[in-house]
């Protein structure tokens, strides 16, 4: 019996697909790949999304107004352009600190009539001496403005304005200190110097001097 060639026994799947005869059916045309779908138009009666305006054209949201800090006690602001200085000193040394401040002012060229000194505790010895001649003579010296004028906080509101006011917080209750500082702020036109203990002064004013 004749042998069959081995090639004829190979399965068709190993040989690949059979070629389509020229007279047979043509290969189907490949379908086109679908592209992205166009965005659907907005529905009637419902507006489409609105693009936000550029940052330069956006209107900032109304932020809640910040509440002003409420001081523990009322304060009297210094006049515009008036410089305020604090010279730390104990109650017993506040008057000496004020005297040193006056000496520095005079040495720097300030005229004696430019300076007013207010004490909250014991009066300055100069004021005690001049008041011994009577109040009329005492206030006449202030009106002349020829020298440094010393006054007590209780009557400091009678004094006129001067370029420099020095306050010596050398005692007295808190209301007297607060009154003296309030008057001094209205009397000083250029410079206000406060001599005393900051822990005593700041709570009275409700702020830092």
C-alpha atoms as a PDB file:
ATOM      1  CA  UNK A   1       0.000   0.000   0.000  1.00  0.00           C
ATOM      2  CA  UNK A   2       1.615   3.312  -1.057  1.00  0.00           C
ATOM      3  CA  UNK A   3       2.631   5.767   1.713  1.00  0.00           C
ATOM      4  CA  UNK A   4       0.779   9.103   1.984  1.00  0.00           C
ATOM      5  CA  UNK A   5       3.082  12.143   2.081  1.00  0.00           C
ATOM      6  CA  UNK A   6       3.313  13.592   5.589  1.00  0.00           C
ATOM      7  CA  UNK A   7       2.644  17.131   4.324  1.00  0.00           C
ATOM      8  CA  UNK A   8      -0.918  16.146   3.446  1.00  0.00           C
ATOM      9  CA  UNK A   9      -1.568  15.227   7.083  1.00  0.00           C
ATOM     10  CA  UNK A  10      -0.839  18.786   8.499  1.00  0.00           C
ATOM     11  CA  UNK A  11      -4.023  20.414   9.826  1.00  0.00           C
ATOM     12  CA  UNK A  12      -5.291  23.457   8.091  1.00  0.00           C
ATOM     13  CA  UNK A  13      -5.041  25.566  11.255  1.00  0.00           C
ATOM     14  CA  UNK A  14      -1.262  25.185  11.209  1.00  0.00           C
ATOM     15  CA  UNK A  15      -1.088  26.345   7.626  1.00  0.00           C
ATOM     16  CA  UNK A  16      -3.045  29.545   8.237  1.00  0.00           C
ATOM     17  CA  UNK A  17      -6.311  30.637   6.692  1.00  0.00           C
ATOM     18  CA  UNK A  18      -7.038  29.685   3.199  1.00  0.00           C
ATOM     19  CA  UNK A  19      -6.704  32.368   0.633  1.00  0.00           C
ATOM     20  CA  UNK A  20      -9.991  33.611  -0.646  1.00  0.00           C
ATOM     21  CA  UNK A  21     -10.332  32.698  -4.267  1.00  0.00           C
ATOM     22  CA  UNK A  22     -10.390  35.616  -6.661  1.00  0.00           C
ATOM     23  CA  UNK A  23     -13.833  34.599  -7.736  1.00  0.00           C
ATOM     24  CA  UNK A  24     -15.114  34.423  -4.134  1.00  0.00           C
ATOM     25  CA  UNK A  25     -16.570  37.132  -1.806  1.00  0.00           C
ATOM     26  CA  UNK A  26     -14.581  40.314  -1.189  1.00  0.00           C
ATOM     27  CA  UNK A  27     -13.294  41.109   2.346  1.00  0.00           C
ATOM     28  CA  UNK A  28     -15.648  43.330   4.319  1.00  0.00           C
ATOM     29  CA  UNK A  29     -14.778  47.026   4.542  1.00  0.00           C
ATOM     30  CA  UNK A  30     -13.450  47.933   8.071  1.00  0.00           C
ATOM     31  CA  UNK A  31     -15.779  50.147  10.095  1.00  0.00           C
ATOM     32  CA  UNK A  32     -14.553  53.673  10.885  1.00  0.00           C
ATOM     33  CA  UNK A  33     -13.507  54.315  14.487  1.00  0.00           C
ATOM     34  CA  UNK A  34     -16.149  56.519  16.083  1.00  0.00           C
ATOM     35  CA  UNK A  35     -14.871  59.953  17.212  1.00  0.00           C
ATOM     36  CA  UNK A  36     -15.800  61.819  20.399  1.00  0.00           C
ATOM     37  CA  UNK A  37     -19.439  62.683  20.750  1.00  0.00           C
ATOM     38  CA  UNK A  38     -20.304  66.356  20.426  1.00  0.00           C
ATOM     39  CA  UNK A  39     -21.452  68.072  23.628  1.00  0.00           C
ATOM     40  CA  UNK A  40     -25.174  67.957  24.024  1.00  0.00           C
ATOM     41  CA  UNK A  41     -26.847  71.338  23.735  1.00  0.00           C
ATOM     42  CA  UNK A  42     -28.435  72.659  26.939  1.00  0.00           C
ATOM     43  CA  UNK A  43     -31.980  71.692  27.524  1.00  0.00           C
ATOM     44  CA  UNK A  44     -34.644  74.246  26.739  1.00  0.00           C
ATOM     45  CA  UNK A  45     -35.427  76.458  29.714  1.00  0.00           C
ATOM     46  CA  UNK A  46     -32.202  75.629  31.604  1.00  0.00           C
ATOM     47  CA  UNK A  47     -29.218  77.925  30.948  1.00  0.00           C
ATOM     48  CA  UNK A  48     -25.890  76.303  30.330  1.00  0.00           C
ATOM     49  CA  UNK A  49     -22.922  76.699  32.663  1.00  0.00           C
ATOM     50  CA  UNK A  50     -21.429  80.196  32.814  1.00  0.00           C
ATOM     51  CA  UNK A  51     -17.661  80.504  32.760  1.00  0.00           C
ATOM     52  CA  UNK A  52     -16.400  82.527  35.709  1.00  0.00           C
ATOM     53  CA  UNK A  53     -14.883  85.894  34.935  1.00  0.00           C
ATOM     54  CA  UNK A  54     -11.095  86.341  35.029  1.00  0.00           C
ATOM     55  CA  UNK A  55      -9.565  86.992  38.429  1.00  0.00           C
ATOM     56  CA  UNK A  56      -9.114  90.682  37.624  1.00  0.00           C
ATOM     57  CA  UNK A  57     -12.832  91.062  36.958  1.00  0.00           C
ATOM     58  CA  UNK A  58     -14.168  89.004  39.817  1.00  0.00           C
ATOM     59  CA  UNK A  59     -15.941  90.830  42.552  1.00  0.00           C
ATOM     60  CA  UNK A  60     -14.488  89.927  45.964  1.00  0.00           C
ATOM     61  CA  UNK A  61     -16.904  88.500  48.423  1.00  0.00           C
ATOM     62  CA  UNK A  62     -18.062  90.833  51.111  1.00  0.00           C
ATOM     63  CA  UNK A  63     -15.865  89.915  54.069  1.00  0.00           C
ATOM     64  CA  UNK A  64     -17.327  90.561  57.483  1.00  0.00           C
ATOM     65  CA  UNK A  65     -16.030  93.800  58.945  1.00  0.00           C
ATOM     66  CA  UNK A  66     -13.428  93.183  61.611  1.00  0.00           C
ATOM     67  CA  UNK A  67     -14.516  94.402  64.963  1.00  0.00           C
ATOM     68  CA  UNK A  68     -12.414  97.222  66.408  1.00  0.00           C
ATOM     69  CA  UNK A  69     -10.482  96.172  69.475  1.00  0.00           C
ATOM     70  CA  UNK A  70     -12.234  97.458  72.547  1.00  0.00           C
ATOM     71  CA  UNK A  71      -9.761  98.757  75.113  1.00  0.00           C
ATOM     72  CA  UNK A  72     -10.338  97.909  78.717  1.00  0.00           C
ATOM     73  CA  UNK A  73     -10.601 101.614  79.523  1.00  0.00           C
ATOM     74  CA  UNK A  74     -11.262 104.696  77.350  1.00  0.00           C
ATOM     75  CA  UNK A  75      -8.266 106.366  75.821  1.00  0.00           C
ATOM     76  CA  UNK A  76      -7.599 109.856  74.517  1.00  0.00           C
ATOM     77  CA  UNK A  77      -5.509 109.811  71.317  1.00  0.00           C
ATOM     78  CA  UNK A  78      -2.657 112.253  71.029  1.00  0.00           C
ATOM     79  CA  UNK A  79      -2.977 115.092  68.559  1.00  0.00           C
ATOM     80  CA  UNK A  80      -1.828 114.401  65.028  1.00  0.00           C
ATOM     81  CA  UNK A  81       1.928 114.712  64.638  1.00  0.00           C
ATOM     82  CA  UNK A  82       2.666 114.508  68.377  1.00  0.00           C
ATOM     83  CA  UNK A  83       5.413 112.052  69.308  1.00  0.00           C
ATOM     84  CA  UNK A  84       4.873 110.033  72.493  1.00  0.00           C
ATOM     85  CA  UNK A  85       7.770 108.665  74.552  1.00  0.00           C
ATOM     86  CA  UNK A  86       7.741 106.538  77.701  1.00  0.00           C
ATOM     87  CA  UNK A  87      10.610 106.687  80.187  1.00  0.00           C
ATOM     88  CA  UNK A  88      10.317 103.699  82.543  1.00  0.00           C
ATOM     89  CA  UNK A  89      10.775 104.661  86.175  1.00  0.00           C
ATOM     90  CA  UNK A  90       9.420 103.538  89.550  1.00  0.00           C
ATOM     91  CA  UNK A  91       6.840 105.688  91.298  1.00  0.00           C
ATOM     92  CA  UNK A  92       9.467 107.069  93.678  1.00  0.00           C
ATOM     93  CA  UNK A  93      11.807 107.939  90.797  1.00  0.00           C
ATOM     94  CA  UNK A  94       9.291 109.307  88.282  1.00  0.00           C
ATOM     95  CA  UNK A  95       9.866 112.934  89.302  1.00  0.00           C
ATOM     96  CA  UNK A  96      13.640 112.548  89.048  1.00  0.00           C
ATOM     97  CA  UNK A  97      13.210 110.983  85.598  1.00  0.00           C
ATOM     98  CA  UNK A  98      11.066 113.934  84.550  1.00  0.00           C
ATOM     99  CA  UNK A  99      13.749 116.371  85.784  1.00  0.00           C
ATOM    100  CA  UNK A 100      16.387 114.537  83.759  1.00  0.00           C
ATOM    101  CA  UNK A 101      14.144 114.655  80.699  1.00  0.00           C
ATOM    102  CA  UNK A 102      13.703 118.421  81.135  1.00  0.00           C
ATOM    103  CA  UNK A 103      17.470 118.899  81.456  1.00  0.00           C
ATOM    104  CA  UNK A 104      18.034 116.950  78.228  1.00  0.00           C
ATOM    105  CA  UNK A 105      15.408 119.036  76.440  1.00  0.00           C
ATOM    106  CA  UNK A 106      17.029 122.289  77.546  1.00  0.00           C
ATOM    107  CA  UNK A 107      20.500 120.999  76.636  1.00  0.00           C
ATOM    108  CA  UNK A 108      19.237 120.079  73.168  1.00  0.00           C
ATOM    109  CA  UNK A 109      18.113 123.665  72.547  1.00  0.00           C
ATOM    110  CA  UNK A 110      14.520 123.720  73.768  1.00  0.00           C
ATOM    111  CA  UNK A 111      13.441 127.005  75.296  1.00  0.00           C
ATOM    112  CA  UNK A 112      12.335 126.740  78.944  1.00  0.00           C
ATOM    113  CA  UNK A 113       8.971 128.228  78.032  1.00  0.00           C
ATOM    114  CA  UNK A 114       8.333 125.288  75.665  1.00  0.00           C
ATOM    115  CA  UNK A 115       8.049 122.763  78.498  1.00  0.00           C
ATOM    116  CA  UNK A 116       5.138 121.938  80.802  1.00  0.00           C
ATOM    117  CA  UNK A 117       5.536 119.355  83.580  1.00  0.00           C
ATOM    118  CA  UNK A 118       2.515 117.645  85.162  1.00  0.00           C
ATOM    119  CA  UNK A 119       2.743 115.578  88.342  1.00  0.00           C
ATOM    120  CA  UNK A 120       0.157 113.015  89.451  1.00  0.00           C
ATOM    121  CA  UNK A 121       1.326 112.638  93.050  1.00  0.00           C
ATOM    122  CA  UNK A 122       3.333 114.992  95.232  1.00  0.00           C
ATOM    123  CA  UNK A 123       3.664 118.443  93.608  1.00  0.00           C
ATOM    124  CA  UNK A 124       7.029 119.590  92.323  1.00  0.00           C
ATOM    125  CA  UNK A 125       8.932 121.741  94.859  1.00  0.00           C
ATOM    126  CA  UNK A 126       8.966 124.638  92.389  1.00  0.00           C
ATOM    127  CA  UNK A 127       5.168 124.598  92.151  1.00  0.00           C
ATOM    128  CA  UNK A 128       4.834 124.441  95.943  1.00  0.00           C
ATOM    129  CA  UNK A 129       7.156 127.422  96.315  1.00  0.00           C
ATOM    130  CA  UNK A 130       5.452 129.584  93.694  1.00  0.00           C
ATOM    131  CA  UNK A 131       1.954 128.796  94.997  1.00  0.00           C
ATOM    132  CA  UNK A 132       3.026 130.181  98.366  1.00  0.00           C
ATOM    133  CA  UNK A 133       2.859 133.657  96.777  1.00  0.00           C
ATOM    134  CA  UNK A 134      -0.726 133.105  95.641  1.00  0.00           C
ATOM    135  CA  UNK A 135      -2.457 131.554  92.654  1.00  0.00           C
ATOM    136  CA  UNK A 136      -2.583 134.833  90.709  1.00  0.00           C
ATOM    137  CA  UNK A 137       1.194 135.140  90.770  1.00  0.00           C
ATOM    138  CA  UNK A 138       1.556 131.443  90.035  1.00  0.00           C
ATOM    139  CA  UNK A 139      -0.586 131.470  86.872  1.00  0.00           C
ATOM    140  CA  UNK A 140       0.965 134.762  85.766  1.00  0.00           C
ATOM    141  CA  UNK A 141       4.268 132.915  85.498  1.00  0.00           C
ATOM    142  CA  UNK A 142       2.592 130.363  83.264  1.00  0.00           C
ATOM    143  CA  UNK A 143       1.124 133.068  81.026  1.00  0.00           C
ATOM    144  CA  UNK A 144       4.545 134.699  80.671  1.00  0.00           C
ATOM    145  CA  UNK A 145       6.019 131.399  79.444  1.00  0.00           C
ATOM    146  CA  UNK A 146       9.536 132.434  80.442  1.00  0.00           C
ATOM    147  CA  UNK A 147      10.422 129.243  82.279  1.00  0.00           C
ATOM    148  CA  UNK A 148       9.513 125.576  82.691  1.00  0.00           C
ATOM    149  CA  UNK A 149       6.091 125.414  84.320  1.00  0.00           C
ATOM    150  CA  UNK A 150       5.203 122.746  86.876  1.00  0.00           C
ATOM    151  CA  UNK A 151       1.613 121.988  87.764  1.00  0.00           C
ATOM    152  CA  UNK A 152      -0.441 119.397  89.557  1.00  0.00           C
ATOM    153  CA  UNK A 153      -2.739 117.030  87.650  1.00  0.00           C
ATOM    154  CA  UNK A 154      -5.765 118.447  89.494  1.00  0.00           C
ATOM    155  CA  UNK A 155      -5.348 121.894  87.874  1.00  0.00           C
ATOM    156  CA  UNK A 156      -3.410 120.955  84.724  1.00  0.00           C
ATOM    157  CA  UNK A 157      -6.440 121.678  82.530  1.00  0.00           C
ATOM    158  CA  UNK A 158      -5.935 125.421  83.292  1.00  0.00           C
ATOM    159  CA  UNK A 159      -2.527 125.338  81.611  1.00  0.00           C
ATOM    160  CA  UNK A 160      -2.209 126.278  77.988  1.00  0.00           C
ATOM    161  CA  UNK A 161      -0.695 124.205  75.217  1.00  0.00           C
ATOM    162  CA  UNK A 162       3.056 123.917  74.945  1.00  0.00           C
ATOM    163  CA  UNK A 163       5.321 122.136  72.450  1.00  0.00           C
ATOM    164  CA  UNK A 164       6.538 119.622  75.050  1.00  0.00           C
ATOM    165  CA  UNK A 165       4.586 118.153  77.973  1.00  0.00           C
ATOM    166  CA  UNK A 166       6.263 115.892  80.523  1.00  0.00           C
ATOM    167  CA  UNK A 167       4.081 113.784  82.841  1.00  0.00           C
ATOM    168  CA  UNK A 168       5.615 112.408  86.034  1.00  0.00           C
ATOM    169  CA  UNK A 169       3.452 109.521  87.263  1.00  0.00           C
ATOM    170  CA  UNK A 170       4.814 109.822  90.820  1.00  0.00           C
ATOM    171  CA  UNK A 171       1.762 108.582  92.703  1.00  0.00           C
ATOM    172  CA  UNK A 172      -1.936 109.221  93.045  1.00  0.00           C
ATOM    173  CA  UNK A 173      -4.885 106.958  92.289  1.00  0.00           C
ATOM    174  CA  UNK A 174      -5.557 105.567  88.810  1.00  0.00           C
ATOM    175  CA  UNK A 175      -8.284 108.129  87.948  1.00  0.00           C
ATOM    176  CA  UNK A 176      -5.823 110.967  88.592  1.00  0.00           C
ATOM    177  CA  UNK A 177      -3.208 109.321  86.374  1.00  0.00           C
ATOM    178  CA  UNK A 178      -5.751 108.781  83.616  1.00  0.00           C
ATOM    179  CA  UNK A 179      -6.907 112.416  83.864  1.00  0.00           C
ATOM    180  CA  UNK A 180      -3.336 113.726  83.764  1.00  0.00           C
ATOM    181  CA  UNK A 181      -2.499 111.685  80.665  1.00  0.00           C
ATOM    182  CA  UNK A 182      -5.703 112.760  78.945  1.00  0.00           C
ATOM    183  CA  UNK A 183      -4.953 116.447  79.630  1.00  0.00           C
ATOM    184  CA  UNK A 184      -1.324 116.046  78.588  1.00  0.00           C
ATOM    185  CA  UNK A 185      -2.362 114.618  75.230  1.00  0.00           C
ATOM    186  CA  UNK A 186      -4.392 117.724  74.510  1.00  0.00           C
ATOM    187  CA  UNK A 187      -1.716 120.167  75.719  1.00  0.00           C
ATOM    188  CA  UNK A 188       1.313 118.775  73.868  1.00  0.00           C
ATOM    189  CA  UNK A 189       1.755 120.051  70.328  1.00  0.00           C
ATOM    190  CA  UNK A 190       5.048 118.318  69.439  1.00  0.00           C
ATOM    191  CA  UNK A 191       6.248 115.872  72.088  1.00  0.00           C
ATOM    192  CA  UNK A 192       4.673 114.050  75.039  1.00  0.00           C
ATOM    193  CA  UNK A 193       6.978 112.351  77.543  1.00  0.00           C
ATOM    194  CA  UNK A 194       5.547 110.067  80.235  1.00  0.00           C
ATOM    195  CA  UNK A 195       7.805 109.061  83.121  1.00  0.00           C
ATOM    196  CA  UNK A 196       6.632 106.194  85.297  1.00  0.00           C
ATOM    197  CA  UNK A 197       6.025 102.498  85.674  1.00  0.00           C
ATOM    198  CA  UNK A 198       4.691 101.008  82.390  1.00  0.00           C
ATOM    199  CA  UNK A 199       2.713  98.387  84.332  1.00  0.00           C
ATOM    200  CA  UNK A 200       0.927 101.251  86.060  1.00  0.00           C
ATOM    201  CA  UNK A 201       0.514 103.488  83.006  1.00  0.00           C
ATOM    202  CA  UNK A 202      -0.619 101.029  80.328  1.00  0.00           C
ATOM    203  CA  UNK A 203      -3.593  99.550  82.258  1.00  0.00           C
ATOM    204  CA  UNK A 204      -4.833 103.071  82.956  1.00  0.00           C
ATOM    205  CA  UNK A 205      -4.776 104.152  79.336  1.00  0.00           C
ATOM    206  CA  UNK A 206      -5.974 100.800  77.974  1.00  0.00           C
ATOM    207  CA  UNK A 207      -3.133 100.823  75.466  1.00  0.00           C
ATOM    208  CA  UNK A 208       0.644 101.164  75.290  1.00  0.00           C
ATOM    209  CA  UNK A 209       1.874 104.756  75.573  1.00  0.00           C
END
